[in-house]
Amino acid sequence: MQYEVELKFPLANPTEIVAKLMSLGAVVASPVEQVDRYFNHPSRDFSQTDEAFRIRSAGEANCVTYKGTRVDSLTKTRREIEVPFADGPDAANQMAEVWQALGFRFVSEVRKTRVPLTLDWQQRTYDIALDEVPPLGTFLEIELLADEAGRVAAGDAILALARELNLTHPEHRSYLKLLLGL
């Protein structure tokens, strides 16, 4: 079972954090526009169970993602299942139609510009994202993927990197919850 272990921080000064990441050896990729369409289950309320189900379009690429309930209170750790499907906006719209035909209810859309970074630090490879999420602002997400046996160590590693970057006060709510005021 694969777990996504992450922490997200609001940034007042993104340039400073990116400079620090670069000094640690981070590699920056090209920005990508992401559109996440969130859906609610027909018989349970994901806002109550803290699950997430979405269609993500990143450029032309599409995937369906299910995120289970959180299993750690310090980091945002939960099971993640991600399945790519056909490229393009038509495919994303058709997938949304399928889910709605099955009774899933569209909740909201989150749009962001993501600058992906990769950092090899202390024998781990971190996926880092600098996200601009209108109207919420700029955030930095630090993520590792881990199996059941490694998820606590992954959380500790993310907390160590956050300390190295002088990041405090993580935001535990998702962008969706922030946008909905939950």
Protein backbone atom coordinates (compact mmCIF):
# COMPACT_ATOMS: atom_id res chain seq x y z
CA MET A 1 0.00 0.00 0.00
CA GLN A 2 1.40 3.39 -1.05
CA TYR A 3 1.14 6.43 1.21
CA GLU A 4 1.60 10.07 0.35
CA VAL A 5 3.39 11.83 3.21
CA GLU A 6 3.44 15.61 2.90
CA LEU A 7 3.51 18.97 4.60
CA LYS A 8 2.32 22.24 3.11
CA PHE A 9 3.42 25.72 4.18
CA PRO A 10 2.06 29.14 3.23
CA LEU A 11 4.92 31.32 1.97
CA ALA A 12 5.33 35.03 2.50
CA ASN A 13 8.62 35.07 0.59
CA PRO A 14 8.76 32.30 -2.07
CA THR A 15 11.99 33.66 -3.61
CA GLU A 16 13.87 33.15 -0.35
CA ILE A 17 12.70 29.53 0.03
CA VAL A 18 13.49 28.66 -3.60
CA ALA A 19 16.99 30.14 -3.16
CA LYS A 20 17.50 27.98 -0.05
CA LEU A 21 16.28 24.89 -1.92
CA MET A 22 18.62 25.66 -4.81
CA SER A 23 21.53 25.98 -2.37
CA LEU A 24 20.69 22.46 -1.16
CA GLY A 25 20.79 21.18 -4.76
CA ALA A 26 17.13 21.25 -5.78
CA VAL A 27 16.36 20.90 -9.48
CA VAL A 28 13.52 23.06 -10.80
CA ALA A 29 11.22 21.86 -13.59
CA SER A 30 8.96 23.93 -15.84
CA PRO A 31 5.75 25.32 -14.33
CA VAL A 32 2.53 23.48 -15.11
CA GLU A 33 -1.08 24.59 -14.86
CA GLN A 34 -3.15 22.12 -12.85
CA VAL A 35 -6.91 21.91 -12.61
CA ASP A 36 -8.33 19.62 -9.93
CA ARG A 37 -12.04 18.78 -10.06
CA TYR A 38 -13.27 17.33 -6.76
CA PHE A 39 -16.24 15.01 -6.34
CA ASN A 40 -18.20 13.76 -3.35
CA HIS A 41 -19.28 10.16 -2.88
CA PRO A 42 -23.00 9.41 -3.36
CA SER A 43 -23.42 7.83 0.10
CA ARG A 44 -20.77 9.44 2.31
CA ASP A 45 -19.50 12.97 2.76
CA PHE A 46 -15.78 13.21 1.99
CA SER A 47 -15.58 16.52 3.86
CA GLN A 48 -16.55 14.56 6.99
CA THR A 49 -14.37 11.49 6.33
CA ASP A 50 -11.38 13.60 5.18
CA GLU A 51 -11.10 11.65 1.93
CA ALA A 52 -10.60 13.17 -1.50
CA PHE A 53 -11.57 12.07 -4.99
CA ARG A 54 -10.56 14.17 -7.95
CA ILE A 55 -9.79 14.41 -11.62
CA ARG A 56 -6.52 16.27 -12.17
CA SER A 57 -5.60 17.82 -15.50
CA ALA A 58 -1.97 18.94 -15.70
CA GLY A 59 -1.43 20.38 -19.14
CA GLU A 60 -2.82 17.67 -21.42
CA ALA A 61 -2.27 14.81 -18.92
CA ASN A 62 -5.20 13.53 -16.84
CA CYS A 63 -5.47 11.24 -13.84
CA VAL A 64 -8.03 10.15 -11.28
CA THR A 65 -6.85 10.28 -7.67
CA TYR A 66 -8.34 8.86 -4.50
CA LYS A 67 -6.85 9.98 -1.18
CA GLY A 68 -7.86 8.06 1.93
CA THR A 69 -8.29 9.34 5.46
CA ARG A 70 -5.27 10.77 7.25
CA VAL A 71 -3.27 8.36 9.39
CA ASP A 72 -0.93 10.89 11.05
CA SER A 73 -1.64 14.18 12.79
CA LEU A 74 1.81 15.79 12.37
CA THR A 75 2.03 15.36 8.62
CA LYS A 76 -0.65 14.95 6.00
CA THR A 77 -0.18 11.20 5.52
CA ARG A 78 -2.72 9.12 3.71
CA ARG A 79 -3.14 6.33 1.21
CA GLU A 80 -3.08 7.58 -2.36
CA ILE A 81 -4.23 5.77 -5.49
CA GLU A 82 -3.60 7.57 -8.76
CA VAL A 83 -4.61 6.25 -12.18
CA PRO A 84 -3.76 8.07 -15.41
CA PHE A 85 -6.24 8.05 -18.27
CA ALA A 86 -6.50 9.50 -21.78
CA ASP A 87 -5.00 12.94 -22.42
CA GLY A 88 -6.85 16.14 -23.22
CA PRO A 89 -9.77 18.21 -21.96
CA ASP A 90 -12.40 16.08 -23.74
CA ALA A 91 -11.25 12.96 -21.88
CA ALA A 92 -11.32 14.84 -18.54
CA ASN A 93 -14.85 16.08 -19.23
CA GLN A 94 -16.02 12.59 -20.21
CA MET A 95 -14.52 11.10 -17.04
CA ALA A 96 -16.38 13.73 -14.98
CA GLU A 97 -19.60 12.76 -16.79
CA VAL A 98 -19.03 9.09 -15.91
CA TRP A 99 -18.55 9.86 -12.22
CA GLN A 100 -21.62 12.10 -12.15
CA ALA A 101 -23.68 9.43 -13.92
CA LEU A 102 -22.62 7.05 -11.12
CA GLY A 103 -23.94 9.48 -8.51
CA PHE A 104 -20.78 11.34 -7.58
CA ARG A 105 -21.46 15.02 -7.01
CA PHE A 106 -19.15 17.75 -8.30
CA VAL A 107 -17.94 19.86 -5.35
CA SER A 108 -15.50 22.42 -6.68
CA GLU A 109 -12.47 23.10 -8.82
CA VAL A 110 -8.99 24.11 -7.67
CA ARG A 111 -6.71 25.83 -10.19
CA LYS A 112 -3.05 26.36 -9.53
CA THR A 113 0.29 26.99 -11.17
CA ARG A 114 2.77 24.43 -9.87
CA VAL A 115 6.54 24.66 -10.13
CA PRO A 116 7.88 21.16 -9.40
CA LEU A 117 11.26 20.75 -7.72
CA THR A 118 13.23 17.63 -6.87
CA LEU A 119 15.69 17.56 -4.01
CA ASP A 120 18.11 14.79 -3.05
CA TRP A 121 18.82 15.46 0.62
CA GLN A 122 19.97 13.15 3.40
CA GLN A 123 19.61 10.01 1.27
CA ARG A 124 16.04 10.73 0.17
CA THR A 125 14.53 12.21 -2.97
CA TYR A 126 11.85 14.77 -2.14
CA ASP A 127 9.12 15.93 -4.48
CA ILE A 128 8.58 19.60 -3.74
CA ALA A 129 5.97 21.88 -5.27
CA LEU A 130 5.80 25.65 -5.27
CA ASP A 131 2.09 26.32 -5.79
CA GLU A 132 0.40 29.60 -6.66
CA VAL A 133 -3.28 29.10 -5.82
CA PRO A 134 -5.50 32.11 -6.52
CA PRO A 135 -6.87 33.64 -4.35
CA LEU A 136 -5.13 31.77 -1.50
CA GLY A 137 -1.53 32.72 -2.26
CA THR A 138 1.72 30.79 -2.56
CA PHE A 139 2.49 27.51 -0.81
CA LEU A 140 5.33 25.01 -0.65
CA GLU A 141 4.50 21.30 -0.46
CA ILE A 142 7.14 18.77 0.56
CA GLU A 143 6.25 15.17 -0.29
CA LEU A 144 7.63 11.66 -0.03
CA LEU A 145 5.94 8.41 -1.02
CA ALA A 146 6.28 5.53 1.42
CA ASP A 147 4.93 2.08 2.14
CA GLU A 148 3.35 1.19 5.49
CA ALA A 149 6.69 0.36 7.11
CA GLY A 150 8.34 3.58 5.95
CA ARG A 151 5.66 6.20 6.47
CA VAL A 152 6.74 7.32 9.98
CA ALA A 153 10.37 7.69 8.85
CA ALA A 154 9.18 9.63 5.79
CA GLY A 155 7.23 11.99 8.04
CA ASP A 156 10.28 12.51 10.24
CA ALA A 157 12.40 13.24 7.15
CA ILE A 158 9.91 15.84 5.90
CA LEU A 159 9.84 17.51 9.31
CA ALA A 160 13.67 17.62 9.28
CA LEU A 161 13.72 19.27 5.84
CA ALA A 162 11.08 21.77 6.96
CA ARG A 163 13.29 22.68 9.94
CA GLU A 164 16.29 23.05 7.60
CA LEU A 165 14.24 25.48 5.49
CA ASN A 166 13.02 27.34 8.61
CA LEU A 167 9.43 26.55 7.68
CA THR A 168 7.00 26.67 10.56
CA HIS A 169 3.22 26.61 10.90
CA PRO A 170 2.21 24.00 8.33
CA GLU A 171 -1.23 24.29 6.77
CA HIS A 172 -2.97 20.94 7.26
CA ARG A 173 -6.10 21.79 5.28
CA SER A 174 -6.26 20.97 1.59
CA TYR A 175 -6.52 23.71 -1.02
CA LEU A 176 -10.12 22.62 -1.53
CA LYS A 177 -10.96 23.10 2.16
CA LEU A 178 -9.18 26.45 2.19
CA LEU A 179 -11.15 27.63 -0.85
CA LEU A 180 -14.43 26.40 0.62
CA GLY A 181 -13.65 28.01 3.98
CA LEU A 182 -13.72 24.70 5.87
